[in-house]
Amino acid sequence: SMEEALAPAIRYAIEGYPVTEVVAAQWRHGEELFTDEHARAAY
């Protein structure tokens, strides 16, 4: 089911996960891109 297929992603999102080097470097782009409150609150 979709519930079973999405379960790992939901767990990562709710419980958290450690960020890797590559993703951390890419995420910094959001500091300039995200100017809206919804985006900044989310990411």
PDB file of all heavy atoms in Angstrom:
ATOM      1  N   SER A   1       0.838  -1.199   0.000  1.00  0.00           N
ATOM      2  CA  SER A   1       0.000   0.000   0.000  1.00  0.00           C
ATOM      3  C   SER A   1       0.874   1.251   0.000  1.00  0.00           C
ATOM      4  O   SER A   1       2.080   1.188   0.294  1.00  0.00           O
ATOM      5  CB  SER A   1      -0.890   0.006   1.248  1.00  0.00           C
ATOM      6  OG  SER A   1      -0.078   0.137   2.418  1.00  0.00           O
ATOM      7  N   MET A   2       0.278   2.384  -0.309  1.00  0.00           N
ATOM      8  CA  MET A   2       0.997   3.647  -0.212  1.00  0.00           C
ATOM      9  C   MET A   2       1.456   3.889   1.221  1.00  0.00           C
ATOM     10  O   MET A   2       2.547   4.426   1.459  1.00  0.00           O
ATOM     11  CB  MET A   2       0.111   4.801  -0.680  1.00  0.00           C
ATOM     12  CG  MET A   2       0.039   4.963  -2.174  1.00  0.00           C
ATOM     13  SD  MET A   2       1.584   5.611  -2.894  1.00  0.00           S
ATOM     14  CE  MET A   2       1.411   7.359  -2.516  1.00  0.00           C
ATOM     15  N   GLU A   3       0.650   3.498   2.175  1.00  0.00           N
ATOM     16  CA  GLU A   3       1.019   3.673   3.579  1.00  0.00           C
ATOM     17  C   GLU A   3       2.310   2.931   3.894  1.00  0.00           C
ATOM     18  O   GLU A   3       3.204   3.466   4.565  1.00  0.00           O
ATOM     19  CB  GLU A   3      -0.110   3.173   4.477  1.00  0.00           C
ATOM     20  CG  GLU A   3       0.152   3.367   5.960  1.00  0.00           C
ATOM     21  CD  GLU A   3      -1.013   2.894   6.805  1.00  0.00           C
ATOM     22  OE1 GLU A   3      -1.943   2.268   6.257  1.00  0.00           O
ATOM     23  OE2 GLU A   3      -0.985   3.150   8.026  1.00  0.00           O
ATOM     24  N   GLU A   4       2.435   1.716   3.387  1.00  0.00           N
ATOM     25  CA  GLU A   4       3.640   0.928   3.637  1.00  0.00           C
ATOM     26  C   GLU A   4       4.835   1.503   2.867  1.00  0.00           C
ATOM     27  O   GLU A   4       5.959   1.539   3.378  1.00  0.00           O
ATOM     28  CB  GLU A   4       3.400  -0.526   3.233  1.00  0.00           C
ATOM     29  CG  GLU A   4       2.412  -1.259   4.125  1.00  0.00           C
ATOM     30  CD  GLU A   4       1.990  -2.591   3.558  1.00  0.00           C
ATOM     31  OE1 GLU A   4       1.492  -2.621   2.401  1.00  0.00           O
ATOM     32  OE2 GLU A   4       2.149  -3.619   4.260  1.00  0.00           O
ATOM     33  N   ALA A   5       4.598   1.946   1.633  1.00  0.00           N
ATOM     34  CA  ALA A   5       5.695   2.467   0.817  1.00  0.00           C
ATOM     35  C   ALA A   5       6.250   3.781   1.367  1.00  0.00           C
ATOM     36  O   ALA A   5       7.458   4.048   1.286  1.00  0.00           O
ATOM     37  CB  ALA A   5       5.232   2.662  -0.627  1.00  0.00           C
ATOM     38  N   LEU A   6       5.384   4.615   1.933  1.00  0.00           N
ATOM     39  CA  LEU A   6       5.822   5.922   2.426  1.00  0.00           C
ATOM     40  C   LEU A   6       6.286   5.899   3.876  1.00  0.00           C
ATOM     41  O   LEU A   6       6.794   6.909   4.378  1.00  0.00           O
ATOM     42  CB  LEU A   6       4.691   6.946   2.275  1.00  0.00           C
ATOM     43  CG  LEU A   6       4.180   7.212   0.858  1.00  0.00           C
ATOM     44  CD1 LEU A   6       3.182   8.358   0.865  1.00  0.00           C
ATOM     45  CD2 LEU A   6       5.324   7.522  -0.095  1.00  0.00           C
ATOM     46  N   ALA A   7       6.134   4.772   4.551  1.00  0.00           N
ATOM     47  CA  ALA A   7       6.458   4.703   5.979  1.00  0.00           C
ATOM     48  C   ALA A   7       7.898   5.103   6.301  1.00  0.00           C
ATOM     49  O   ALA A   7       8.125   5.874   7.255  1.00  0.00           O
ATOM     50  CB  ALA A   7       6.148   3.309   6.523  1.00  0.00           C
ATOM     51  N   PRO A   8       8.929   4.631   5.575  1.00  0.00           N
ATOM     52  CA  PRO A   8      10.293   5.054   5.919  1.00  0.00           C
ATOM     53  C   PRO A   8      10.495   6.561   5.796  1.00  0.00           C
ATOM     54  O   PRO A   8      11.146   7.181   6.648  1.00  0.00           O
ATOM     55  CB  PRO A   8      11.164   4.288   4.917  1.00  0.00           C
ATOM     56  CG  PRO A   8      10.350   3.098   4.535  1.00  0.00           C
ATOM     57  CD  PRO A   8       8.933   3.595   4.515  1.00  0.00           C
ATOM     58  N   ALA A   9       9.952   7.164   4.735  1.00  0.00           N
ATOM     59  CA  ALA A   9      10.102   8.614   4.551  1.00  0.00           C
ATOM     60  C   ALA A   9       9.431   9.378   5.679  1.00  0.00           C
ATOM     61  O   ALA A   9       9.972  10.368   6.189  1.00  0.00           O
ATOM     62  CB  ALA A   9       9.515   9.029   3.203  1.00  0.00           C
ATOM     63  N   ILE A  10       8.241   8.939   6.065  1.00  0.00           N
ATOM     64  CA  ILE A  10       7.521   9.603   7.155  1.00  0.00           C
ATOM     65  C   ILE A  10       8.323   9.509   8.450  1.00  0.00           C
ATOM     66  O   ILE A  10       8.436  10.486   9.204  1.00  0.00           O
ATOM     67  CB  ILE A  10       6.121   8.985   7.319  1.00  0.00           C
ATOM     68  CG1 ILE A  10       5.271   9.296   6.084  1.00  0.00           C
ATOM     69  CG2 ILE A  10       5.440   9.493   8.579  1.00  0.00           C
ATOM     70  CD1 ILE A  10       3.974   8.515   6.001  1.00  0.00           C
ATOM     71  N   ARG A  11       8.908   8.359   8.686  1.00  0.00           N
ATOM     72  CA  ARG A  11       9.720   8.190   9.895  1.00  0.00           C
ATOM     73  C   ARG A  11      10.924   9.136   9.885  1.00  0.00           C
ATOM     74  O   ARG A  11      11.224   9.782  10.897  1.00  0.00           O
ATOM     75  CB  ARG A  11      10.176   6.744  10.016  1.00  0.00           C
ATOM     76  CG  ARG A  11      10.933   6.460  11.317  1.00  0.00           C
ATOM     77  CD  ARG A  11      11.226   4.976  11.475  1.00  0.00           C
ATOM     78  NE  ARG A  11      12.131   4.472  10.444  1.00  0.00           N
ATOM     79  CZ  ARG A  11      11.765   3.685   9.437  1.00  0.00           C
ATOM     80  NH1 ARG A  11      10.497   3.325   9.297  1.00  0.00           N
ATOM     81  NH2 ARG A  11      12.646   3.273   8.550  1.00  0.00           N
ATOM     82  N   TYR A  12      11.625   9.227   8.759  1.00  0.00           N
ATOM     83  CA  TYR A  12      12.757  10.146   8.675  1.00  0.00           C
ATOM     84  C   TYR A  12      12.314  11.584   8.930  1.00  0.00           C
ATOM     85  O   TYR A  12      12.998  12.357   9.606  1.00  0.00           O
ATOM     86  CB  TYR A  12      13.412  10.064   7.296  1.00  0.00           C
ATOM     87  CG  TYR A  12      14.186   8.799   7.011  1.00  0.00           C
ATOM     88  CD1 TYR A  12      14.213   8.270   5.717  1.00  0.00           C
ATOM     89  CD2 TYR A  12      14.899   8.136   8.002  1.00  0.00           C
ATOM     90  CE1 TYR A  12      14.930   7.123   5.421  1.00  0.00           C
ATOM     91  CE2 TYR A  12      15.620   6.986   7.711  1.00  0.00           C
ATOM     92  CZ  TYR A  12      15.631   6.480   6.423  1.00  0.00           C
ATOM     93  OH  TYR A  12      16.350   5.342   6.137  1.00  0.00           O
ATOM     94  N   ALA A  13      11.171  11.972   8.364  1.00  0.00           N
ATOM     95  CA  ALA A  13      10.711  13.351   8.492  1.00  0.00           C
ATOM     96  C   ALA A  13      10.307  13.693   9.924  1.00  0.00           C
ATOM     97  O   ALA A  13      10.622  14.772  10.429  1.00  0.00           O
ATOM     98  CB  ALA A  13       9.538  13.595   7.536  1.00  0.00           C
ATOM     99  N   ILE A  14       9.611  12.781  10.578  1.00  0.00           N
ATOM    100  CA  ILE A  14       9.090  13.059  11.917  1.00  0.00           C
ATOM    101  C   ILE A  14      10.160  12.863  12.991  1.00  0.00           C
ATOM    102  O   ILE A  14      10.310  13.691  13.902  1.00  0.00           O
ATOM    103  CB  ILE A  14       7.877  12.152  12.221  1.00  0.00           C
ATOM    104  CG1 ILE A  14       6.758  12.385  11.192  1.00  0.00           C
ATOM    105  CG2 ILE A  14       7.357  12.396  13.636  1.00  0.00           C
ATOM    106  CD1 ILE A  14       6.222  13.788  11.143  1.00  0.00           C
ATOM    107  N   GLU A  15      10.925  11.768  12.889  1.00  0.00           N
ATOM    108  CA  GLU A  15      11.914  11.459  13.924  1.00  0.00           C
ATOM    109  C   GLU A  15      13.253  12.141  13.680  1.00  0.00           C
ATOM    110  O   GLU A  15      14.028  12.338  14.612  1.00  0.00           O
ATOM    111  CB  GLU A  15      12.108   9.939  14.018  1.00  0.00           C
ATOM    112  CG  GLU A  15      10.837   9.194  14.431  1.00  0.00           C
ATOM    113  CD  GLU A  15      11.043   7.693  14.482  1.00  0.00           C
ATOM    114  OE1 GLU A  15      12.196   7.237  14.278  1.00  0.00           O
ATOM    115  OE2 GLU A  15      10.058   6.967  14.718  1.00  0.00           O
ATOM    116  N   GLY A  16      13.549  12.472  12.439  1.00  0.00           N
ATOM    117  CA  GLY A  16      14.785  13.167  12.116  1.00  0.00           C
ATOM    118  C   GLY A  16      15.861  12.251  11.567  1.00  0.00           C
ATOM    119  O   GLY A  16      15.775  11.019  11.649  1.00  0.00           O
ATOM    120  N   TYR A  17      16.892  12.876  11.002  1.00  0.00           N
ATOM    121  CA  TYR A  17      18.010  12.153  10.404  1.00  0.00           C
ATOM    122  C   TYR A  17      19.217  13.079  10.377  1.00  0.00           C
ATOM    123  O   TYR A  17      19.077  14.312  10.390  1.00  0.00           O
ATOM    124  CB  TYR A  17      17.662  11.707   8.974  1.00  0.00           C
ATOM    125  CG  TYR A  17      17.427  12.882   8.041  1.00  0.00           C
ATOM    126  CD1 TYR A  17      18.465  13.399   7.275  1.00  0.00           C
ATOM    127  CD2 TYR A  17      16.184  13.501   7.974  1.00  0.00           C
ATOM    128  CE1 TYR A  17      18.267  14.500   6.447  1.00  0.00           C
ATOM    129  CE2 TYR A  17      15.979  14.603   7.154  1.00  0.00           C
ATOM    130  CZ  TYR A  17      17.026  15.093   6.394  1.00  0.00           C
ATOM    131  OH  TYR A  17      16.828  16.185   5.587  1.00  0.00           O
ATOM    132  N   PRO A  18      20.434  12.536  10.332  1.00  0.00           N
ATOM    133  CA  PRO A  18      21.636  13.371  10.255  1.00  0.00           C
ATOM    134  C   PRO A  18      21.922  13.785   8.813  1.00  0.00           C
ATOM    135  O   PRO A  18      21.808  12.982   7.886  1.00  0.00           O
ATOM    136  CB  PRO A  18      22.731  12.457  10.799  1.00  0.00           C
ATOM    137  CG  PRO A  18      22.254  11.075  10.485  1.00  0.00           C
ATOM    138  CD  PRO A  18      20.750  11.114  10.545  1.00  0.00           C
ATOM    139  N   VAL A  19      22.305  15.026   8.630  1.00  0.00           N
ATOM    140  CA  VAL A  19      22.540  15.577   7.293  1.00  0.00           C
ATOM    141  C   VAL A  19      23.968  15.274   6.840  1.00  0.00           C
ATOM    142  O   VAL A  19      24.917  15.424   7.615  1.00  0.00           O
ATOM    143  CB  VAL A  19      22.304  17.103   7.291  1.00  0.00           C
ATOM    144  CG1 VAL A  19      22.649  17.713   5.941  1.00  0.00           C
ATOM    145  CG2 VAL A  19      20.854  17.400   7.648  1.00  0.00           C
ATOM    146  N   THR A  20      24.122  14.838   5.589  1.00  0.00           N
ATOM    147  CA  THR A  20      25.443  14.526   5.041  1.00  0.00           C
ATOM    148  C   THR A  20      26.133  15.776   4.518  1.00  0.00           C
ATOM    149  O   THR A  20      25.527  16.837   4.368  1.00  0.00           O
ATOM    150  CB  THR A  20      25.311  13.518   3.894  1.00  0.00           C
ATOM    151  OG1 THR A  20      24.506  14.096   2.856  1.00  0.00           O
ATOM    152  CG2 THR A  20      24.671  12.223   4.363  1.00  0.00           C
ATOM    153  N   GLU A  21      27.418  15.625   4.180  1.00  0.00           N
ATOM    154  CA  GLU A  21      28.208  16.772   3.706  1.00  0.00           C
ATOM    155  C   GLU A  21      27.627  17.394   2.447  1.00  0.00           C
ATOM    156  O   GLU A  21      27.497  18.619   2.344  1.00  0.00           O
ATOM    157  CB  GLU A  21      29.659  16.349   3.441  1.00  0.00           C
ATOM    158  CG  GLU A  21      30.461  16.009   4.668  1.00  0.00           C
ATOM    159  CD  GLU A  21      30.455  14.536   5.012  1.00  0.00           C
ATOM    160  OE1 GLU A  21      29.524  13.824   4.572  1.00  0.00           O
ATOM    161  OE2 GLU A  21      31.378  14.093   5.709  1.00  0.00           O
ATOM    162  N   VAL A  22      27.315  16.556   1.464  1.00  0.00           N
ATOM    163  CA  VAL A  22      26.834  17.082   0.180  1.00  0.00           C
ATOM    164  C   VAL A  22      25.505  17.818   0.355  1.00  0.00           C
ATOM    165  O   VAL A  22      25.320  18.926  -0.154  1.00  0.00           O
ATOM    166  CB  VAL A  22      26.695  15.940  -0.846  1.00  0.00           C
ATOM    167  CG1 VAL A  22      25.988  16.435  -2.109  1.00  0.00           C
ATOM    168  CG2 VAL A  22      28.056  15.373  -1.197  1.00  0.00           C
ATOM    169  N   VAL A  23      24.576  17.209   1.087  1.00  0.00           N
ATOM    170  CA  VAL A  23      23.270  17.832   1.275  1.00  0.00           C
ATOM    171  C   VAL A  23      23.392  19.105   2.099  1.00  0.00           C
ATOM    172  O   VAL A  23      22.722  20.117   1.818  1.00  0.00           O
ATOM    173  CB  VAL A  23      22.287  16.836   1.922  1.00  0.00           C
ATOM    174  CG1 VAL A  23      20.974  17.518   2.273  1.00  0.00           C
ATOM    175  CG2 VAL A  23      22.037  15.667   0.970  1.00  0.00           C
ATOM    176  N   ALA A  24      24.258  19.116   3.101  1.00  0.00           N
ATOM    177  CA  ALA A  24      24.462  20.320   3.892  1.00  0.00           C
ATOM    178  C   ALA A  24      24.965  21.467   3.020  1.00  0.00           C
ATOM    179  O   ALA A  24      24.532  22.625   3.165  1.00  0.00           O
ATOM    180  CB  ALA A  24      25.444  20.046   5.028  1.00  0.00           C
ATOM    181  N   ALA A  25      25.878  21.158   2.112  1.00  0.00           N
ATOM    182  CA  ALA A  25      26.399  22.200   1.216  1.00  0.00           C
ATOM    183  C   ALA A  25      25.309  22.716   0.283  1.00  0.00           C
ATOM    184  O   ALA A  25      25.206  23.928   0.032  1.00  0.00           O
ATOM    185  CB  ALA A  25      27.567  21.638   0.406  1.00  0.00           C
ATOM    186  N   GLN A  26      24.480  21.807  -0.250  1.00  0.00           N
ATOM    187  CA  GLN A  26      23.400  22.230  -1.141  1.00  0.00           C
ATOM    188  C   GLN A  26      22.333  23.023  -0.394  1.00  0.00           C
ATOM    189  O   GLN A  26      21.728  23.940  -0.951  1.00  0.00           O
ATOM    190  CB  GLN A  26      22.775  21.003  -1.798  1.00  0.00           C
ATOM    191  CG  GLN A  26      23.698  20.265  -2.744  1.00  0.00           C
ATOM    192  CD  GLN A  26      23.101  18.960  -3.244  1.00  0.00           C
ATOM    193  OE1 GLN A  26      22.250  18.347  -2.598  1.00  0.00           O
ATOM    194  NE2 GLN A  26      23.550  18.508  -4.403  1.00  0.00           N
ATOM    195  N   TRP A  27      22.095  22.682   0.856  1.00  0.00           N
ATOM    196  CA  TRP A  27      21.044  23.323   1.644  1.00  0.00           C
ATOM    197  C   TRP A  27      21.332  24.819   1.859  1.00  0.00           C
ATOM    198  O   TRP A  27      20.420  25.619   2.008  1.00  0.00           O
ATOM    199  CB  TRP A  27      20.925  22.616   2.999  1.00  0.00           C
ATOM    200  CG  TRP A  27      19.569  22.640   3.617  1.00  0.00           C
ATOM    201  CD1 TRP A  27      18.755  23.721   3.798  1.00  0.00           C
ATOM    202  CD2 TRP A  27      18.843  21.515   4.152  1.00  0.00           C
ATOM    203  NE1 TRP A  27      17.583  23.352   4.411  1.00  0.00           N
ATOM    204  CE2 TRP A  27      17.617  21.996   4.644  1.00  0.00           C
ATOM    205  CE3 TRP A  27      19.137  20.162   4.278  1.00  0.00           C
ATOM    206  CZ2 TRP A  27      16.673  21.175   5.249  1.00  0.00           C
ATOM    207  CZ3 TRP A  27      18.200  19.332   4.875  1.00  0.00           C
ATOM    208  CH2 TRP A  27      16.987  19.838   5.353  1.00  0.00           C
ATOM    209  N   ARG A  28      22.612  25.178   1.867  1.00  0.00           N
ATOM    210  CA  ARG A  28      22.962  26.591   2.099  1.00  0.00           C
ATOM    211  C   ARG A  28      22.380  27.510   1.040  1.00  0.00           C
ATOM    212  O   ARG A  28      22.186  28.706   1.271  1.00  0.00           O
ATOM    213  CB  ARG A  28      24.487  26.747   2.176  1.00  0.00           C
ATOM    214  CG  ARG A  28      25.081  26.212   3.471  1.00  0.00           C
ATOM    215  CD  ARG A  28      26.482  26.745   3.702  1.00  0.00           C
ATOM    216  NE  ARG A  28      27.422  26.238   2.727  1.00  0.00           N
ATOM    217  CZ  ARG A  28      28.114  25.111   2.855  1.00  0.00           C
ATOM    218  NH1 ARG A  28      27.965  24.354   3.937  1.00  0.00           N
ATOM    219  NH2 ARG A  28      28.967  24.728   1.924  1.00  0.00           N
ATOM    220  N   HIS A  29      22.096  26.949  -0.126  1.00  0.00           N
ATOM    221  CA  HIS A  29      21.461  27.746  -1.181  1.00  0.00           C
ATOM    222  C   HIS A  29      20.111  28.287  -0.723  1.00  0.00           C
ATOM    223  O   HIS A  29      19.695  29.373  -1.132  1.00  0.00           O
ATOM    224  CB  HIS A  29      21.288  26.894  -2.439  1.00  0.00           C
ATOM    225  CG  HIS A  29      20.516  27.555  -3.531  1.00  0.00           C
ATOM    226  ND1 HIS A  29      20.930  28.722  -4.141  1.00  0.00           N
ATOM    227  CD2 HIS A  29      19.340  27.217  -4.122  1.00  0.00           C
ATOM    228  CE1 HIS A  29      20.039  29.066  -5.054  1.00  0.00           C
ATOM    229  NE2 HIS A  29      19.068  28.181  -5.061  1.00  0.00           N
ATOM    230  N   GLY A  30      19.439  27.546   0.148  1.00  0.00           N
ATOM    231  CA  GLY A  30      18.143  27.981   0.639  1.00  0.00           C
ATOM    232  C   GLY A  30      18.200  29.239   1.478  1.00  0.00           C
ATOM    233  O   GLY A  30      17.200  29.954   1.611  1.00  0.00           O
ATOM    234  N   GLU A  31      19.352  29.530   2.049  1.00  0.00           N
ATOM    235  CA  GLU A  31      19.465  30.722   2.883  1.00  0.00           C
ATOM    236  C   GLU A  31      19.250  31.992   2.061  1.00  0.00           C
ATOM    237  O   GLU A  31      18.739  32.995   2.571  1.00  0.00           O
ATOM    238  CB  GLU A  31      20.827  30.752   3.561  1.00  0.00           C
ATOM    239  CG  GLU A  31      21.017  29.638   4.570  1.00  0.00           C
ATOM    240  CD  GLU A  31      22.379  29.654   5.239  1.00  0.00           C
ATOM    241  OE1 GLU A  31      23.263  30.416   4.777  1.00  0.00           O
ATOM    242  OE2 GLU A  31      22.575  28.907   6.213  1.00  0.00           O
ATOM    243  N   GLU A  32      19.628  31.955   0.788  1.00  0.00           N
ATOM    244  CA  GLU A  32      19.385  33.095  -0.105  1.00  0.00           C
ATOM    245  C   GLU A  32      18.051  32.968  -0.830  1.00  0.00           C
ATOM    246  O   GLU A  32      17.349  33.958  -1.035  1.00  0.00           O
ATOM    247  CB  GLU A  32      20.513  33.202  -1.127  1.00  0.00           C
ATOM    248  CG  GLU A  32      21.877  33.517  -0.532  1.00  0.00           C
ATOM    249  CD  GLU A  32      22.936  33.641  -1.600  1.00  0.00           C
ATOM    250  OE1 GLU A  32      22.587  33.549  -2.811  1.00  0.00           O
ATOM    251  OE2 GLU A  32      24.111  33.818  -1.248  1.00  0.00           O
ATOM    252  N   LEU A  33      17.708  31.745  -1.216  1.00  0.00           N
ATOM    253  CA  LEU A  33      16.501  31.531  -2.012  1.00  0.00           C
ATOM    254  C   LEU A  33      15.232  31.774  -1.213  1.00  0.00           C
ATOM    255  O   LEU A  33      14.285  32.401  -1.695  1.00  0.00           O
ATOM    256  CB  LEU A  33      16.493  30.100  -2.561  1.00  0.00           C
ATOM    257  CG  LEU A  33      15.242  29.660  -3.314  1.00  0.00           C
ATOM    258  CD1 LEU A  33      15.085  30.461  -4.600  1.00  0.00           C
ATOM    259  CD2 LEU A  33      15.308  28.162  -3.623  1.00  0.00           C
ATOM    260  N   PHE A  34      15.185  31.275   0.016  1.00  0.00           N
ATOM    261  CA  PHE A  34      13.962  31.325   0.800  1.00  0.00           C
ATOM    262  C   PHE A  34      13.824  32.672   1.510  1.00  0.00           C
ATOM    263  O   PHE A  34      14.506  32.940   2.501  1.00  0.00           O
ATOM    264  CB  PHE A  34      13.929  30.192   1.826  1.00  0.00           C
ATOM    265  CG  PHE A  34      13.793  28.821   1.232  1.00  0.00           C
ATOM    266  CD1 PHE A  34      14.504  27.742   1.748  1.00  0.00           C
ATOM    267  CD2 PHE A  34      12.953  28.591   0.152  1.00  0.00           C
ATOM    268  CE1 PHE A  34      14.367  26.473   1.216  1.00  0.00           C
ATOM    269  CE2 PHE A  34      12.810  27.329  -0.397  1.00  0.00           C
ATOM    270  CZ  PHE A  34      13.526  26.267   0.142  1.00  0.00           C
ATOM    271  N   THR A  35      12.935  33.495   0.998  1.00  0.00           N
ATOM    272  CA  THR A  35      12.644  34.783   1.621  1.00  0.00           C
ATOM    273  C   THR A  35      11.266  34.792   2.266  1.00  0.00           C
ATOM    274  O   THR A  35      10.989  35.630   3.128  1.00  0.00           O
ATOM    275  CB  THR A  35      12.723  35.918   0.584  1.00  0.00           C
ATOM    276  OG1 THR A  35      11.799  35.647  -0.485  1.00  0.00           O
ATOM    277  CG2 THR A  35      14.137  36.016   0.003  1.00  0.00           C
ATOM    278  N   ASP A  36      10.398  33.878   1.863  1.00  0.00           N
ATOM    279  CA  ASP A  36       9.039  33.818   2.381  1.00  0.00           C
ATOM    280  C   ASP A  36       9.008  33.073   3.716  1.00  0.00           C
ATOM    281  O   ASP A  36       9.769  32.134   3.946  1.00  0.00           O
ATOM    282  CB  ASP A  36       8.146  33.101   1.368  1.00  0.00           C
ATOM    283  CG  ASP A  36       6.700  33.004   1.830  1.00  0.00           C
ATOM    284  OD1 ASP A  36       5.969  33.982   1.658  1.00  0.00           O
ATOM    285  OD2 ASP A  36       6.339  31.942   2.377  1.00  0.00           O
ATOM    286  N   GLU A  37       8.090  33.455   4.594  1.00  0.00           N
ATOM    287  CA  GLU A  37       8.016  32.857   5.922  1.00  0.00           C
ATOM    288  C   GLU A  37       7.683  31.368   5.868  1.00  0.00           C
ATOM    289  O   GLU A  37       8.174  30.583   6.696  1.00  0.00           O
ATOM    290  CB  GLU A  37       6.987  33.584   6.787  1.00  0.00           C
ATOM    291  CG  GLU A  37       5.566  33.547   6.222  1.00  0.00           C
ATOM    292  CD  GLU A  37       4.565  34.232   7.140  1.00  0.00           C
ATOM    293  OE1 GLU A  37       4.776  34.199   8.363  1.00  0.00           O
ATOM    294  OE2 GLU A  37       3.583  34.790   6.626  1.00  0.00           O
ATOM    295  N   HIS A  38       6.837  30.946   4.925  1.00  0.00           N
ATOM    296  CA  HIS A  38       6.497  29.527   4.831  1.00  0.00           C
ATOM    297  C   HIS A  38       7.726  28.693   4.501  1.00  0.00           C
ATOM    298  O   HIS A  38       7.940  27.622   5.091  1.00  0.00           O
ATOM    299  CB  HIS A  38       5.430  29.306   3.761  1.00  0.00           C
ATOM    300  CG  HIS A  38       4.124  29.959   4.051  1.00  0.00           C
ATOM    301  ND1 HIS A  38       3.252  30.355   3.064  1.00  0.00           N
ATOM    302  CD2 HIS A  38       3.535  30.307   5.227  1.00  0.00           C
ATOM    303  CE1 HIS A  38       2.182  30.902   3.611  1.00  0.00           C
ATOM    304  NE2 HIS A  38       2.334  30.883   4.920  1.00  0.00           N
ATOM    305  N   ALA A  39       8.520  29.165   3.569  1.00  0.00           N
ATOM    306  CA  ALA A  39       9.714  28.433   3.155  1.00  0.00           C
ATOM    307  C   ALA A  39      10.752  28.396   4.262  1.00  0.00           C
ATOM    308  O   ALA A  39      11.356  27.355   4.541  1.00  0.00           O
ATOM    309  CB  ALA A  39      10.295  29.059   1.892  1.00  0.00           C
ATOM    310  N   ARG A  40      10.961  29.520   4.902  1.00  0.00           N
ATOM    311  CA  ARG A  40      11.974  29.572   5.957  1.00  0.00           C
ATOM    312  C   ARG A  40      11.554  28.741   7.167  1.00  0.00           C
ATOM    313  O   ARG A  40      12.384  28.083   7.797  1.00  0.00           O
ATOM    314  CB  ARG A  40      12.255  31.023   6.349  1.00  0.00           C
ATOM    315  CG  ARG A  40      12.853  31.849   5.204  1.00  0.00           C
ATOM    316  CD  ARG A  40      13.284  33.232   5.655  1.00  0.00           C
ATOM    317  NE  ARG A  40      14.483  33.184   6.481  1.00  0.00           N
ATOM    318  CZ  ARG A  40      15.720  33.137   6.005  1.00  0.00           C
ATOM    319  NH1 ARG A  40      15.941  33.098   4.692  1.00  0.00           N
ATOM    320  NH2 ARG A  40      16.744  33.119   6.822  1.00  0.00           N
ATOM    321  N   ALA A  41      10.275  28.744   7.479  1.00  0.00           N
ATOM    322  CA  ALA A  41       9.803  27.941   8.607  1.00  0.00           C
ATOM    323  C   ALA A  41       9.985  26.454   8.333  1.00  0.00           C
ATOM    324  O   ALA A  41      10.295  25.666   9.240  1.00  0.00           O
ATOM    325  CB  ALA A  41       8.337  28.254   8.889  1.00  0.00           C
ATOM    326  N   ALA A  42       9.790  26.058   7.078  1.00  0.00           N
ATOM    327  CA  ALA A  42       9.883  24.644   6.726  1.00  0.00           C
ATOM    328  C   ALA A  42      11.316  24.148   6.644  1.00  0.00           C
ATOM    329  O   ALA A  42      11.625  23.035   7.099  1.00  0.00           O
ATOM    330  CB  ALA A  42       9.169  24.388   5.405  1.00  0.00           C
ATOM    331  N   TYR A  43      12.218  24.962   6.057  1.00  0.00           N
ATOM    332  CA  TYR A  43      13.551  24.462   5.757  1.00  0.00           C
ATOM    333  C   TYR A  43      14.689  25.226   6.436  1.00  0.00           C
ATOM    334  O   TYR A  43      15.843  24.776   6.377  1.00  0.00           O
ATOM    335  CB  TYR A  43      13.757  24.443   4.237  1.00  0.00           C
ATOM    336  CG  TYR A  43      12.888  23.396   3.585  1.00  0.00           C
ATOM    337  CD1 TYR A  43      11.688  23.731   2.965  1.00  0.00           C
ATOM    338  CD2 TYR A  43      13.255  22.054   3.612  1.00  0.00           C
ATOM    339  CE1 TYR A  43      10.882  22.761   2.397  1.00  0.00           C
ATOM    340  CE2 TYR A  43      12.461  21.076   3.037  1.00  0.00           C
ATOM    341  CZ  TYR A  43      11.266  21.438   2.437  1.00  0.00           C
ATOM    342  OH  TYR A  43      10.476  20.470   1.884  1.00  0.00           O
TER     343      TYR A  43
END
